[in-house]
Amino acid sequence: MGYPQTWKQYCIDNKIVIIDLIKTINIDDILLNFGDREVDCKINYDLSNTAHFDITNAFNGISFNKVLYSLIWSDSKIQRLPLIRNSINQSLLTNRCINDINQIKYCLTPSRNDAYQSWHEAVN
């Protein structure tokens, strides 16, 4: 069950979407790594140098049973992430991709050793 095509089909069959909040960060320098603190210090306070996931263009007319975010771990380290998340959540509701905010589940970053349980609970 670990192949990407299998997971993709699982998400399609169960109307689940996994969203990455920040599409790009427009900066002149290169990130040495993608650690939360390094990412956070590159995001302008007003979010003007970021491009976010565009719900309207991506999911126009599509509804989901669940929306999964991998961000519990990052939430406290990337200070402006809740602003982005809240905007996207509102767009999911406005575009009727979901009917209720409780359809959104927050999981630990998959690379963490203790992430399995949070993803298992979110998917099931």
PDB file of N, CA and C in Angstrom:
ATOM      1  N   MET A   1       0.823  -1.201   0.000  1.00  0.00           N
ATOM      2  CA  MET A   1       0.000   0.000   0.000  1.00  0.00           C
ATOM      3  C   MET A   1       0.862   1.258   0.000  1.00  0.00           C
ATOM      4  N   GLY A   2       2.163   1.147  -0.199  1.00  0.00           N
ATOM      5  CA  GLY A   2       3.035   2.294  -0.109  1.00  0.00           C
ATOM      6  C   GLY A   2       3.353   2.978  -1.419  1.00  0.00           C
ATOM      7  N   TYR A   3       2.773   2.546  -2.526  1.00  0.00           N
ATOM      8  CA  TYR A   3       3.092   3.146  -3.813  1.00  0.00           C
ATOM      9  C   TYR A   3       2.264   4.403  -4.044  1.00  0.00           C
ATOM     10  N   PRO A   4       2.887   5.448  -4.618  1.00  0.00           N
ATOM     11  CA  PRO A   4       2.160   6.708  -4.840  1.00  0.00           C
ATOM     12  C   PRO A   4       0.867   6.541  -5.623  1.00  0.00           C
ATOM     13  N   GLN A   5       0.839   5.702  -6.655  1.00  0.00           N
ATOM     14  CA  GLN A   5      -0.362   5.512  -7.460  1.00  0.00           C
ATOM     15  C   GLN A   5      -1.488   4.918  -6.622  1.00  0.00           C
ATOM     16  N   THR A   6      -1.145   4.021  -5.704  1.00  0.00           N
ATOM     17  CA  THR A   6      -2.142   3.418  -4.820  1.00  0.00           C
ATOM     18  C   THR A   6      -2.744   4.471  -3.912  1.00  0.00           C
ATOM     19  N   TRP A   7      -1.901   5.332  -3.340  1.00  0.00           N
ATOM     20  CA  TRP A   7      -2.394   6.394  -2.455  1.00  0.00           C
ATOM     21  C   TRP A   7      -3.229   7.399  -3.225  1.00  0.00           C
ATOM     22  N   LYS A   8      -2.810   7.730  -4.427  1.00  0.00           N
ATOM     23  CA  LYS A   8      -3.575   8.661  -5.257  1.00  0.00           C
ATOM     24  C   LYS A   8      -4.970   8.105  -5.510  1.00  0.00           C
ATOM     25  N   GLN A   9      -5.060   6.842  -5.875  1.00  0.00           N
ATOM     26  CA  GLN A   9      -6.358   6.232  -6.127  1.00  0.00           C
ATOM     27  C   GLN A   9      -7.189   6.167  -4.849  1.00  0.00           C
ATOM     28  N   TYR A  10      -6.541   5.896  -3.713  1.00  0.00           N
ATOM     29  CA  TYR A  10      -7.241   5.875  -2.426  1.00  0.00           C
ATOM     30  C   TYR A  10      -7.881   7.242  -2.152  1.00  0.00           C
ATOM     31  N   CYS A  11      -7.128   8.301  -2.392  1.00  0.00           N
ATOM     32  CA  CYS A  11      -7.652   9.657  -2.169  1.00  0.00           C
ATOM     33  C   CYS A  11      -8.800   9.964  -3.121  1.00  0.00           C
ATOM     34  N   ILE A  12      -8.685   9.559  -4.374  1.00  0.00           N
ATOM     35  CA  ILE A  12      -9.758   9.783  -5.337  1.00  0.00           C
ATOM     36  C   ILE A  12     -11.010   9.025  -4.917  1.00  0.00           C
ATOM     37  N   ASP A  13     -10.849   7.751  -4.586  1.00  0.00           N
ATOM     38  CA  ASP A  13     -11.990   6.912  -4.208  1.00  0.00           C
ATOM     39  C   ASP A  13     -12.700   7.420  -2.957  1.00  0.00           C
ATOM     40  N   ASN A  14     -11.946   8.006  -2.040  1.00  0.00           N
ATOM     41  CA  ASN A  14     -12.511   8.445  -0.764  1.00  0.00           C
ATOM     42  C   ASN A  14     -12.717   9.957  -0.675  1.00  0.00           C
ATOM     43  N   LYS A  15     -12.525  10.643  -1.812  1.00  0.00           N
ATOM     44  CA  LYS A  15     -12.708  12.098  -1.879  1.00  0.00           C
ATOM     45  C   LYS A  15     -11.922  12.822  -0.780  1.00  0.00           C
ATOM     46  N   ILE A  16     -10.623  12.518  -0.745  1.00  0.00           N
ATOM     47  CA  ILE A  16      -9.704  13.129   0.215  1.00  0.00           C
ATOM     48  C   ILE A  16      -8.690  13.948  -0.569  1.00  0.00           C
ATOM     49  N   VAL A  17      -8.376  15.129  -0.073  1.00  0.00           N
ATOM     50  CA  VAL A  17      -7.338  15.945  -0.689  1.00  0.00           C
ATOM     51  C   VAL A  17      -6.310  16.297   0.384  1.00  0.00           C
ATOM     52  N   ILE A  18      -5.049  16.303  -0.015  1.00  0.00           N
ATOM     53  CA  ILE A  18      -3.950  16.693   0.876  1.00  0.00           C
ATOM     54  C   ILE A  18      -3.387  17.981   0.300  1.00  0.00           C
ATOM     55  N   ILE A  19      -3.394  19.040   1.119  1.00  0.00           N
ATOM     56  CA  ILE A  19      -3.009  20.362   0.636  1.00  0.00           C
ATOM     57  C   ILE A  19      -1.710  20.819   1.291  1.00  0.00           C
ATOM     58  N   ASP A  20      -0.824  21.355   0.473  1.00  0.00           N
ATOM     59  CA  ASP A  20       0.375  22.034   0.944  1.00  0.00           C
ATOM     60  C   ASP A  20       0.047  23.521   0.870  1.00  0.00           C
ATOM     61  N   LEU A  21       0.121  24.220   1.981  1.00  0.00           N
ATOM     62  CA  LEU A  21      -0.377  25.589   2.054  1.00  0.00           C
ATOM     63  C   LEU A  21       0.401  26.592   1.219  1.00  0.00           C
ATOM     64  N   ILE A  22       1.702  26.551   1.313  1.00  0.00           N
ATOM     65  CA  ILE A  22       2.534  27.550   0.627  1.00  0.00           C
ATOM     66  C   ILE A  22       3.040  26.950  -0.672  1.00  0.00           C
ATOM     67  N   LYS A  23       2.668  27.577  -1.771  1.00  0.00           N
ATOM     68  CA  LYS A  23       3.099  27.116  -3.083  1.00  0.00           C
ATOM     69  C   LYS A  23       4.538  27.569  -3.348  1.00  0.00           C
ATOM     70  N   THR A  24       4.803  28.867  -3.142  1.00  0.00           N
ATOM     71  CA  THR A  24       6.159  29.391  -3.329  1.00  0.00           C
ATOM     72  C   THR A  24       6.409  30.529  -2.363  1.00  0.00           C
ATOM     73  N   ILE A  25       7.693  30.743  -2.086  1.00  0.00           N
ATOM     74  CA  ILE A  25       8.155  31.925  -1.352  1.00  0.00           C
ATOM     75  C   ILE A  25       9.104  32.632  -2.306  1.00  0.00           C
ATOM     76  N   ASN A  26       8.762  33.848  -2.688  1.00  0.00           N
ATOM     77  CA  ASN A  26       9.569  34.612  -3.634  1.00  0.00           C
ATOM     78  C   ASN A  26      10.666  35.357  -2.887  1.00  0.00           C
ATOM     79  N   ILE A  27      11.877  34.818  -2.972  1.00  0.00           N
ATOM     80  CA  ILE A  27      13.040  35.433  -2.326  1.00  0.00           C
ATOM     81  C   ILE A  27      14.204  35.423  -3.309  1.00  0.00           C
ATOM     82  N   ASP A  28      15.168  36.302  -3.060  1.00  0.00           N
ATOM     83  CA  ASP A  28      16.336  36.386  -3.927  1.00  0.00           C
ATOM     84  C   ASP A  28      17.416  35.384  -3.565  1.00  0.00           C
ATOM     85  N   ASP A  29      17.461  34.963  -2.303  1.00  0.00           N
ATOM     86  CA  ASP A  29      18.486  34.024  -1.897  1.00  0.00           C
ATOM     87  C   ASP A  29      17.952  32.591  -1.896  1.00  0.00           C
ATOM     88  N   ILE A  30      18.824  31.662  -1.618  1.00  0.00           N
ATOM     89  CA  ILE A  30      18.478  30.240  -1.637  1.00  0.00           C
ATOM     90  C   ILE A  30      18.325  29.746  -0.212  1.00  0.00           C
ATOM     91  N   LEU A  31      17.304  28.947   0.026  1.00  0.00           N
ATOM     92  CA  LEU A  31      17.140  28.327   1.341  1.00  0.00           C
ATOM     93  C   LEU A  31      18.202  27.247   1.494  1.00  0.00           C
ATOM     94  N   LEU A  32      18.936  27.307   2.598  1.00  0.00           N
ATOM     95  CA  LEU A  32      19.950  26.286   2.843  1.00  0.00           C
ATOM     96  C   LEU A  32      19.300  24.953   3.179  1.00  0.00           C
ATOM     97  N   ASN A  33      18.146  25.027   3.827  1.00  0.00           N
ATOM     98  CA  ASN A  33      17.369  23.822   4.113  1.00  0.00           C
ATOM     99  C   ASN A  33      15.907  24.246   4.180  1.00  0.00           C
ATOM    100  N   PHE A  34      15.042  23.309   4.364  1.00  0.00           N
ATOM    101  CA  PHE A  34      13.620  23.617   4.411  1.00  0.00           C
ATOM    102  C   PHE A  34      13.073  23.472   5.820  1.00  0.00           C
ATOM    103  N   GLY A  35      13.939  23.711   6.813  1.00  0.00           N
ATOM    104  CA  GLY A  35      13.501  23.685   8.201  1.00  0.00           C
ATOM    105  C   GLY A  35      12.492  24.794   8.459  1.00  0.00           C
ATOM    106  N   ASP A  36      11.602  24.548   9.407  1.00  0.00           N
ATOM    107  CA  ASP A  36      10.530  25.496   9.689  1.00  0.00           C
ATOM    108  C   ASP A  36      11.035  26.894  10.020  1.00  0.00           C
ATOM    109  N   ARG A  37      12.068  26.975  10.830  1.00  0.00           N
ATOM    110  CA  ARG A  37      12.577  28.301  11.222  1.00  0.00           C
ATOM    111  C   ARG A  37      13.173  29.051  10.035  1.00  0.00           C
ATOM    112  N   GLU A  38      13.872  28.338   9.184  1.00  0.00           N
ATOM    113  CA  GLU A  38      14.447  28.987   7.997  1.00  0.00           C
ATOM    114  C   GLU A  38      13.333  29.473   7.065  1.00  0.00           C
ATOM    115  N   VAL A  39      12.320  28.657   6.867  1.00  0.00           N
ATOM    116  CA  VAL A  39      11.194  29.046   6.024  1.00  0.00           C
ATOM    117  C   VAL A  39      10.498  30.261   6.641  1.00  0.00           C
ATOM    118  N   ASP A  40      10.264  30.227   7.935  1.00  0.00           N
ATOM    119  CA  ASP A  40       9.554  31.313   8.613  1.00  0.00           C
ATOM    120  C   ASP A  40      10.256  32.654   8.444  1.00  0.00           C
ATOM    121  N   CYS A  41      11.557  32.680   8.553  1.00  0.00           N
ATOM    122  CA  CYS A  41      12.270  33.963   8.467  1.00  0.00           C
ATOM    123  C   CYS A  41      12.299  34.519   7.050  1.00  0.00           C
ATOM    124  N   LYS A  42      11.923  33.727   6.063  1.00  0.00           N
ATOM    125  CA  LYS A  42      11.900  34.196   4.668  1.00  0.00           C
ATOM    126  C   LYS A  42      10.532  34.719   4.242  1.00  0.00           C
ATOM    127  N   ILE A  43       9.506  34.495   5.052  1.00  0.00           N
ATOM    128  CA  ILE A  43       8.159  34.932   4.705  1.00  0.00           C
ATOM    129  C   ILE A  43       7.940  36.347   5.222  1.00  0.00           C
ATOM    130  N   ASN A  44       7.567  37.270   4.334  1.00  0.00           N
ATOM    131  CA  ASN A  44       7.270  38.638   4.755  1.00  0.00           C
ATOM    132  C   ASN A  44       6.119  38.640   5.747  1.00  0.00           C
ATOM    133  N   TYR A  45       6.158  39.592   6.662  1.00  0.00           N
ATOM    134  CA  TYR A  45       5.129  39.670   7.693  1.00  0.00           C
ATOM    135  C   TYR A  45       3.724  39.752   7.091  1.00  0.00           C
ATOM    136  N   ASP A  46       3.592  40.483   5.981  1.00  0.00           N
ATOM    137  CA  ASP A  46       2.272  40.649   5.352  1.00  0.00           C
ATOM    138  C   ASP A  46       1.975  39.568   4.305  1.00  0.00           C
ATOM    139  N   LEU A  47       2.821  38.553   4.217  1.00  0.00           N
ATOM    140  CA  LEU A  47       2.683  37.423   3.296  1.00  0.00           C
ATOM    141  C   LEU A  47       2.810  37.823   1.826  1.00  0.00           C
ATOM    142  N   SER A  48       3.275  39.030   1.562  1.00  0.00           N
ATOM    143  CA  SER A  48       3.315  39.545   0.186  1.00  0.00           C
ATOM    144  C   SER A  48       4.284  38.797  -0.725  1.00  0.00           C
ATOM    145  N   ASN A  49       5.219  38.061  -0.168  1.00  0.00           N
ATOM    146  CA  ASN A  49       6.172  37.337  -1.010  1.00  0.00           C
ATOM    147  C   ASN A  49       5.848  35.844  -1.111  1.00  0.00           C
ATOM    148  N   THR A  50       4.621  35.471  -0.776  1.00  0.00           N
ATOM    149  CA  THR A  50       4.231  34.063  -0.869  1.00  0.00           C
ATOM    150  C   THR A  50       3.077  33.886  -1.853  1.00  0.00           C
ATOM    151  N   ALA A  51       3.077  32.748  -2.487  1.00  0.00           N
ATOM    152  CA  ALA A  51       1.931  32.340  -3.298  1.00  0.00           C
ATOM    153  C   ALA A  51       1.303  31.160  -2.579  1.00  0.00           C
ATOM    154  N   HIS A  52       0.010  31.223  -2.377  1.00  0.00           N
ATOM    155  CA  HIS A  52      -0.705  30.182  -1.649  1.00  0.00           C
ATOM    156  C   HIS A  52      -1.430  29.264  -2.606  1.00  0.00           C
ATOM    157  N   PHE A  53      -1.842  28.147  -2.102  1.00  0.00           N
ATOM    158  CA  PHE A  53      -2.626  27.203  -2.888  1.00  0.00           C
ATOM    159  C   PHE A  53      -3.933  27.874  -3.277  1.00  0.00           C
ATOM    160  N   ASP A  54      -4.279  27.863  -4.553  1.00  0.00           N
ATOM    161  CA  ASP A  54      -5.465  28.536  -5.067  1.00  0.00           C
ATOM    162  C   ASP A  54      -6.624  27.546  -5.158  1.00  0.00           C
ATOM    163  N   ILE A  55      -7.467  27.540  -4.149  1.00  0.00           N
ATOM    164  CA  ILE A  55      -8.595  26.618  -4.061  1.00  0.00           C
ATOM    165  C   ILE A  55      -9.561  26.805  -5.230  1.00  0.00           C
ATOM    166  N   THR A  56      -9.875  28.045  -5.554  1.00  0.00           N
ATOM    167  CA  THR A  56     -10.862  28.321  -6.609  1.00  0.00           C
ATOM    168  C   THR A  56     -10.437  27.724  -7.943  1.00  0.00           C
ATOM    169  N   ASN A  57      -9.200  27.942  -8.344  1.00  0.00           N
ATOM    170  CA  ASN A  57      -8.731  27.414  -9.628  1.00  0.00           C
ATOM    171  C   ASN A  57      -8.523  25.907  -9.600  1.00  0.00           C
ATOM    172  N   ALA A  58      -8.075  25.387  -8.482  1.00  0.00           N
ATOM    173  CA  ALA A  58      -7.768  23.958  -8.412  1.00  0.00           C
ATOM    174  C   ALA A  58      -9.002  23.090  -8.247  1.00  0.00           C
ATOM    175  N   PHE A  59      -9.982  23.554  -7.476  1.00  0.00           N
ATOM    176  CA  PHE A  59     -11.096  22.687  -7.090  1.00  0.00           C
ATOM    177  C   PHE A  59     -12.467  23.256  -7.422  1.00  0.00           C
ATOM    178  N   ASN A  60     -12.569  24.070  -8.449  1.00  0.00           N
ATOM    179  CA  ASN A  60     -13.858  24.631  -8.829  1.00  0.00           C
ATOM    180  C   ASN A  60     -14.852  23.505  -9.128  1.00  0.00           C
ATOM    181  N   GLY A  61     -15.930  23.443  -8.364  1.00  0.00           N
ATOM    182  CA  GLY A  61     -16.963  22.440  -8.575  1.00  0.00           C
ATOM    183  C   GLY A  61     -16.677  21.073  -7.986  1.00  0.00           C
ATOM    184  N   ILE A  62     -15.593  20.928  -7.241  1.00  0.00           N
ATOM    185  CA  ILE A  62     -15.225  19.642  -6.651  1.00  0.00           C
ATOM    186  C   ILE A  62     -15.453  19.705  -5.146  1.00  0.00           C
ATOM    187  N   SER A  63     -16.024  18.663  -4.587  1.00  0.00           N
ATOM    188  CA  SER A  63     -16.206  18.608  -3.130  1.00  0.00           C
ATOM    189  C   SER A  63     -15.430  17.421  -2.575  1.00  0.00           C
ATOM    190  N   PHE A  64     -15.089  17.530  -1.294  1.00  0.00           N
ATOM    191  CA  PHE A  64     -14.291  16.508  -0.628  1.00  0.00           C
ATOM    192  C   PHE A  64     -14.954  16.081   0.669  1.00  0.00           C
ATOM    193  N   ASN A  65     -14.700  14.831   1.040  1.00  0.00           N
ATOM    194  CA  ASN A  65     -15.139  14.350   2.350  1.00  0.00           C
ATOM    195  C   ASN A  65     -14.182  14.822   3.432  1.00  0.00           C
ATOM    196  N   LYS A  66     -12.885  14.896   3.079  1.00  0.00           N
ATOM    197  CA  LYS A  66     -11.859  15.308   4.032  1.00  0.00           C
ATOM    198  C   LYS A  66     -10.788  16.117   3.323  1.00  0.00           C
ATOM    199  N   VAL A  67     -10.237  17.052   4.071  1.00  0.00           N
ATOM    200  CA  VAL A  67      -9.063  17.808   3.641  1.00  0.00           C
ATOM    201  C   VAL A  67      -8.008  17.559   4.703  1.00  0.00           C
ATOM    202  N   LEU A  68      -6.818  17.137   4.290  1.00  0.00           N
ATOM    203  CA  LEU A  68      -5.741  16.850   5.231  1.00  0.00           C
ATOM    204  C   LEU A  68      -4.609  17.850   5.058  1.00  0.00           C
ATOM    205  N   TYR A  69      -4.142  18.358   6.162  1.00  0.00           N
ATOM    206  CA  TYR A  69      -2.957  19.223   6.186  1.00  0.00           C
ATOM    207  C   TYR A  69      -1.870  18.528   6.986  1.00  0.00           C
ATOM    208  N   SER A  70      -0.665  18.678   6.540  1.00  0.00           N
ATOM    209  CA  SER A  70       0.484  18.192   7.290  1.00  0.00           C
ATOM    210  C   SER A  70       1.161  19.398   7.908  1.00  0.00           C
ATOM    211  N   LEU A  71       0.636  19.843   9.056  1.00  0.00           N
ATOM    212  CA  LEU A  71       1.215  21.072   9.596  1.00  0.00           C
ATOM    213  C   LEU A  71       1.169  21.218  11.108  1.00  0.00           C
ATOM    214  N   ILE A  72       0.690  20.267  11.842  1.00  0.00           N
ATOM    215  CA  ILE A  72       0.674  20.428  13.292  1.00  0.00           C
ATOM    216  C   ILE A  72       2.070  20.737  13.806  1.00  0.00           C
ATOM    217  N   TRP A  73       3.037  20.027  13.295  1.00  0.00           N
ATOM    218  CA  TRP A  73       4.423  20.199  13.725  1.00  0.00           C
ATOM    219  C   TRP A  73       4.930  21.600  13.389  1.00  0.00           C
ATOM    220  N   SER A  74       4.561  22.130  12.255  1.00  0.00           N
ATOM    221  CA  SER A  74       5.064  23.416  11.778  1.00  0.00           C
ATOM    222  C   SER A  74       4.295  24.611  12.313  1.00  0.00           C
ATOM    223  N   ASP A  75       3.091  24.398  12.765  1.00  0.00           N
ATOM    224  CA  ASP A  75       2.204  25.491  13.140  1.00  0.00           C
ATOM    225  C   ASP A  75       2.829  26.475  14.121  1.00  0.00           C
ATOM    226  N   SER A  76       3.526  25.992  15.116  1.00  0.00           N
ATOM    227  CA  SER A  76       4.104  26.891  16.116  1.00  0.00           C
ATOM    228  C   SER A  76       5.432  27.489  15.661  1.00  0.00           C
ATOM    229  N   LYS A  77       6.058  26.899  14.669  1.00  0.00           N
ATOM    230  CA  LYS A  77       7.361  27.379  14.228  1.00  0.00           C
ATOM    231  C   LYS A  77       7.280  28.355  13.059  1.00  0.00           C
ATOM    232  N   ILE A  78       6.256  28.241  12.232  1.00  0.00           N
ATOM    233  CA  ILE A  78       6.058  29.185  11.138  1.00  0.00           C
ATOM    234  C   ILE A  78       4.897  30.072  11.565  1.00  0.00           C
ATOM    235  N   GLN A  79       5.224  31.231  12.098  1.00  0.00           N
ATOM    236  CA  GLN A  79       4.261  32.091  12.776  1.00  0.00           C
ATOM    237  C   GLN A  79       3.097  32.545  11.906  1.00  0.00           C
ATOM    238  N   ARG A  80       3.311  32.731  10.622  1.00  0.00           N
ATOM    239  CA  ARG A  80       2.247  33.229   9.761  1.00  0.00           C
ATOM    240  C   ARG A  80       1.449  32.103   9.088  1.00  0.00           C
ATOM    241  N   LEU A  81       1.821  30.867   9.352  1.00  0.00           N
ATOM    242  CA  LEU A  81       1.109  29.739   8.768  1.00  0.00           C
ATOM    243  C   LEU A  81      -0.376  29.721   9.114  1.00  0.00           C
ATOM    244  N   PRO A  82      -0.774  30.035  10.341  1.00  0.00           N
ATOM    245  CA  PRO A  82      -2.221  30.064  10.629  1.00  0.00           C
ATOM    246  C   PRO A  82      -2.988  31.072   9.775  1.00  0.00           C
ATOM    247  N   LEU A  83      -2.381  32.201   9.408  1.00  0.00           N
ATOM    248  CA  LEU A  83      -3.042  33.174   8.543  1.00  0.00           C
ATOM    249  C   LEU A  83      -3.322  32.570   7.170  1.00  0.00           C
ATOM    250  N   ILE A  84      -2.329  31.876   6.635  1.00  0.00           N
ATOM    251  CA  ILE A  84      -2.482  31.236   5.335  1.00  0.00           C
ATOM    252  C   ILE A  84      -3.522  30.124   5.430  1.00  0.00           C
ATOM    253  N   ARG A  85      -3.394  29.291   6.450  1.00  0.00           N
ATOM    254  CA  ARG A  85      -4.328  28.184   6.636  1.00  0.00           C
ATOM    255  C   ARG A  85      -5.764  28.673   6.768  1.00  0.00           C
ATOM    256  N   ASN A  86      -5.985  29.712   7.561  1.00  0.00           N
ATOM    257  CA  ASN A  86      -7.332  30.233   7.762  1.00  0.00           C
ATOM    258  C   ASN A  86      -7.925  30.780   6.467  1.00  0.00           C
ATOM    259  N   SER A  87      -7.105  31.415   5.668  1.00  0.00           N
ATOM    260  CA  SER A  87      -7.557  31.932   4.379  1.00  0.00           C
ATOM    261  C   SER A  87      -7.963  30.789   3.447  1.00  0.00           C
ATOM    262  N   ILE A  88      -7.157  29.753   3.397  1.00  0.00           N
ATOM    263  CA  ILE A  88      -7.462  28.607   2.548  1.00  0.00           C
ATOM    264  C   ILE A  88      -8.696  27.874   3.068  1.00  0.00           C
ATOM    265  N   ASN A  89      -8.797  27.728   4.382  1.00  0.00           N
ATOM    266  CA  ASN A  89      -9.982  27.072   4.953  1.00  0.00           C
ATOM    267  C   ASN A  89     -11.257  27.825   4.584  1.00  0.00           C
ATOM    268  N   GLN A  90     -11.196  29.150   4.651  1.00  0.00           N
ATOM    269  CA  GLN A  90     -12.355  29.953   4.276  1.00  0.00           C
ATOM    270  C   GLN A  90     -12.700  29.760   2.804  1.00  0.00           C
ATOM    271  N   SER A  91     -11.671  29.675   1.975  1.00  0.00           N
ATOM    272  CA  SER A  91     -11.886  29.454   0.548  1.00  0.00           C
ATOM    273  C   SER A  91     -12.500  28.072   0.284  1.00  0.00           C
ATOM    274  N   LEU A  92     -12.088  27.063   1.051  1.00  0.00           N
ATOM    275  CA  LEU A  92     -12.682  25.731   0.918  1.00  0.00           C
ATOM    276  C   LEU A  92     -14.178  25.775   1.225  1.00  0.00           C
ATOM    277  N   LEU A  93     -14.551  26.527   2.249  1.00  0.00           N
ATOM    278  CA  LEU A  93     -15.966  26.657   2.620  1.00  0.00           C
ATOM    279  C   LEU A  93     -16.731  27.498   1.592  1.00  0.00           C
ATOM    280  N   THR A  94     -16.169  28.623   1.213  1.00  0.00           N
ATOM    281  CA  THR A  94     -16.821  29.526   0.264  1.00  0.00           C
ATOM    282  C   THR A  94     -17.074  28.843  -1.077  1.00  0.00           C
ATOM    283  N   ASN A  95     -16.103  28.049  -1.535  1.00  0.00           N
ATOM    284  CA  ASN A  95     -16.225  27.351  -2.816  1.00  0.00           C
ATOM    285  C   ASN A  95     -16.968  26.023  -2.690  1.00  0.00           C
ATOM    286  N   ARG A  96     -17.489  25.748  -1.520  1.00  0.00           N
ATOM    287  CA  ARG A  96     -18.264  24.535  -1.225  1.00  0.00           C
ATOM    288  C   ARG A  96     -17.505  23.248  -1.517  1.00  0.00           C
ATOM    289  N   CYS A  97     -16.177  23.307  -1.343  1.00  0.00           N
ATOM    290  CA  CYS A  97     -15.367  22.093  -1.448  1.00  0.00           C
ATOM    291  C   CYS A  97     -15.630  21.208  -0.231  1.00  0.00           C
ATOM    292  N   ILE A  98     -15.954  21.853   0.888  1.00  0.00           N
ATOM    293  CA  ILE A  98     -16.366  21.160   2.103  1.00  0.00           C
ATOM    294  C   ILE A  98     -17.589  21.892   2.649  1.00  0.00           C
ATOM    295  N   ASN A  99     -18.345  21.212   3.475  1.00  0.00           N
ATOM    296  CA  ASN A  99     -19.536  21.811   4.071  1.00  0.00           C
ATOM    297  C   ASN A  99     -19.311  22.279   5.492  1.00  0.00           C
ATOM    298  N   ASP A 100     -18.267  21.747   6.115  1.00  0.00           N
ATOM    299  CA  ASP A 100     -18.055  21.998   7.539  1.00  0.00           C
ATOM    300  C   ASP A 100     -16.566  22.011   7.832  1.00  0.00           C
ATOM    301  N   ILE A 101     -16.142  22.903   8.673  1.00  0.00           N
ATOM    302  CA  ILE A 101     -14.729  23.037   9.043  1.00  0.00           C
ATOM    303  C   ILE A 101     -14.194  21.759   9.692  1.00  0.00           C
ATOM    304  N   ASN A 102     -15.088  20.940  10.250  1.00  0.00           N
ATOM    305  CA  ASN A 102     -14.664  19.689  10.887  1.00  0.00           C
ATOM    306  C   ASN A 102     -14.235  18.625   9.881  1.00  0.00           C
ATOM    307  N   GLN A 103     -14.422  18.873   8.603  1.00  0.00           N
ATOM    308  CA  GLN A 103     -13.937  17.963   7.572  1.00  0.00           C
ATOM    309  C   GLN A 103     -12.428  18.132   7.353  1.00  0.00           C
ATOM    310  N   ILE A 104     -11.841  19.129   7.977  1.00  0.00           N
ATOM    311  CA  ILE A 104     -10.407  19.389   7.857  1.00  0.00           C
ATOM    312  C   ILE A 104      -9.694  18.698   9.003  1.00  0.00           C
ATOM    313  N   LYS A 105      -8.648  17.934   8.672  1.00  0.00           N
ATOM    314  CA  LYS A 105      -7.863  17.205   9.662  1.00  0.00           C
ATOM    315  C   LYS A 105      -6.410  17.662   9.579  1.00  0.00           C
ATOM    316  N   TYR A 106      -5.785  17.793  10.722  1.00  0.00           N
ATOM    317  CA  TYR A 106      -4.398  18.241  10.807  1.00  0.00           C
ATOM    318  C   TYR A 106      -3.529  17.091  11.290  1.00  0.00           C
ATOM    319  N   CYS A 107      -2.473  16.830  10.559  1.00  0.00           N
ATOM    320  CA  CYS A 107      -1.606  15.689  10.848  1.00  0.00           C
ATOM    321  C   CYS A 107      -0.177  16.153  11.097  1.00  0.00           C
ATOM    322  N   LEU A 108       0.587  15.281  11.718  1.00  0.00           N
ATOM    323  CA  LEU A 108       2.007  15.541  11.896  1.00  0.00           C
ATOM    324  C   LEU A 108       2.715  15.402  10.553  1.00  0.00           C
ATOM    325  N   THR A 109       3.834  16.068  10.397  1.00  0.00           N
ATOM    326  CA  THR A 109       4.637  15.954   9.194  1.00  0.00           C
ATOM    327  C   THR A 109       4.987  14.486   8.968  1.00  0.00           C
ATOM    328  N   PRO A 110       4.751  13.953   7.761  1.00  0.00           N
ATOM    329  CA  PRO A 110       4.963  12.520   7.518  1.00  0.00           C
ATOM    330  C   PRO A 110       6.375  12.034   7.815  1.00  0.00           C
ATOM    331  N   SER A 111       7.369  12.904   7.722  1.00  0.00           N
ATOM    332  CA  SER A 111       8.744  12.465   7.953  1.00  0.00           C
ATOM    333  C   SER A 111       9.042  12.189   9.430  1.00  0.00           C
ATOM    334  N   ARG A 112       8.156  12.611  10.314  1.00  0.00           N
ATOM    335  CA  ARG A 112       8.369  12.336  11.742  1.00  0.00           C
ATOM    336  C   ARG A 112       8.079  10.873  12.043  1.00  0.00           C
ATOM    337  N   ASN A 113       8.836  10.310  12.965  1.00  0.00           N
ATOM    338  CA  ASN A 113       8.654   8.911  13.332  1.00  0.00           C
ATOM    339  C   ASN A 113       7.302   8.643  13.972  1.00  0.00           C
ATOM    340  N   ASP A 114       6.716   9.632  14.615  1.00  0.00           N
ATOM    341  CA  ASP A 114       5.448   9.438  15.324  1.00  0.00           C
ATOM    342  C   ASP A 114       4.239   9.921  14.511  1.00  0.00           C
ATOM    343  N   ALA A 115       4.392  10.096  13.212  1.00  0.00           N
ATOM    344  CA  ALA A 115       3.324  10.649  12.376  1.00  0.00           C
ATOM    345  C   ALA A 115       2.248   9.637  12.014  1.00  0.00           C
ATOM    346  N   TYR A 116       2.568   8.361  12.011  1.00  0.00           N
ATOM    347  CA  TYR A 116       1.622   7.343  11.528  1.00  0.00           C
ATOM    348  C   TYR A 116       0.263   7.453  12.209  1.00  0.00           C
ATOM    349  N   GLN A 117       0.243   7.588  13.513  1.00  0.00           N
ATOM    350  CA  GLN A 117      -1.026   7.600  14.248  1.00  0.00           C
ATOM    351  C   GLN A 117      -1.906   8.777  13.837  1.00  0.00           C
ATOM    352  N   SER A 118      -1.335   9.964  13.697  1.00  0.00           N
ATOM    353  CA  SER A 118      -2.160  11.118  13.336  1.00  0.00           C
ATOM    354  C   SER A 118      -2.721  10.977  11.921  1.00  0.00           C
ATOM    355  N   TRP A 119      -1.949  10.426  10.990  1.00  0.00           N
ATOM    356  CA  TRP A 119      -2.451  10.216   9.620  1.00  0.00           C
ATOM    357  C   TRP A 119      -3.479   9.102   9.604  1.00  0.00           C
ATOM    358  N   HIS A 120      -3.257   8.046  10.361  1.00  0.00           N
ATOM    359  CA  HIS A 120      -4.209   6.939  10.437  1.00  0.00           C
ATOM    360  C   HIS A 120      -5.558   7.439  10.953  1.00  0.00           C
ATOM    361  N   GLU A 121      -5.537   8.250  11.995  1.00  0.00           N
ATOM    362  CA  GLU A 121      -6.784   8.791  12.569  1.00  0.00           C
ATOM    363  C   GLU A 121      -7.459   9.749  11.599  1.00  0.00           C
ATOM    364  N   ALA A 122      -6.685  10.554  10.892  1.00  0.00           N
ATOM    365  CA  ALA A 122      -7.256  11.529   9.959  1.00  0.00           C
ATOM    366  C   ALA A 122      -7.909  10.843   8.760  1.00  0.00           C
ATOM    367  N   VAL A 123      -7.310   9.805   8.257  1.00  0.00           N
ATOM    368  CA  VAL A 123      -7.814   9.119   7.075  1.00  0.00           C
ATOM    369  C   VAL A 123      -9.007   8.240   7.412  1.00  0.00           C
ATOM    370  N   ASN A 124      -9.001   7.642   8.585  1.00  0.00           N
ATOM    371  CA  ASN A 124     -10.081   6.703   8.962  1.00  0.00           C
ATOM    372  C   ASN A 124     -11.205   7.362   9.705  1.00  0.00           C
TER     373      ASN A 124
END
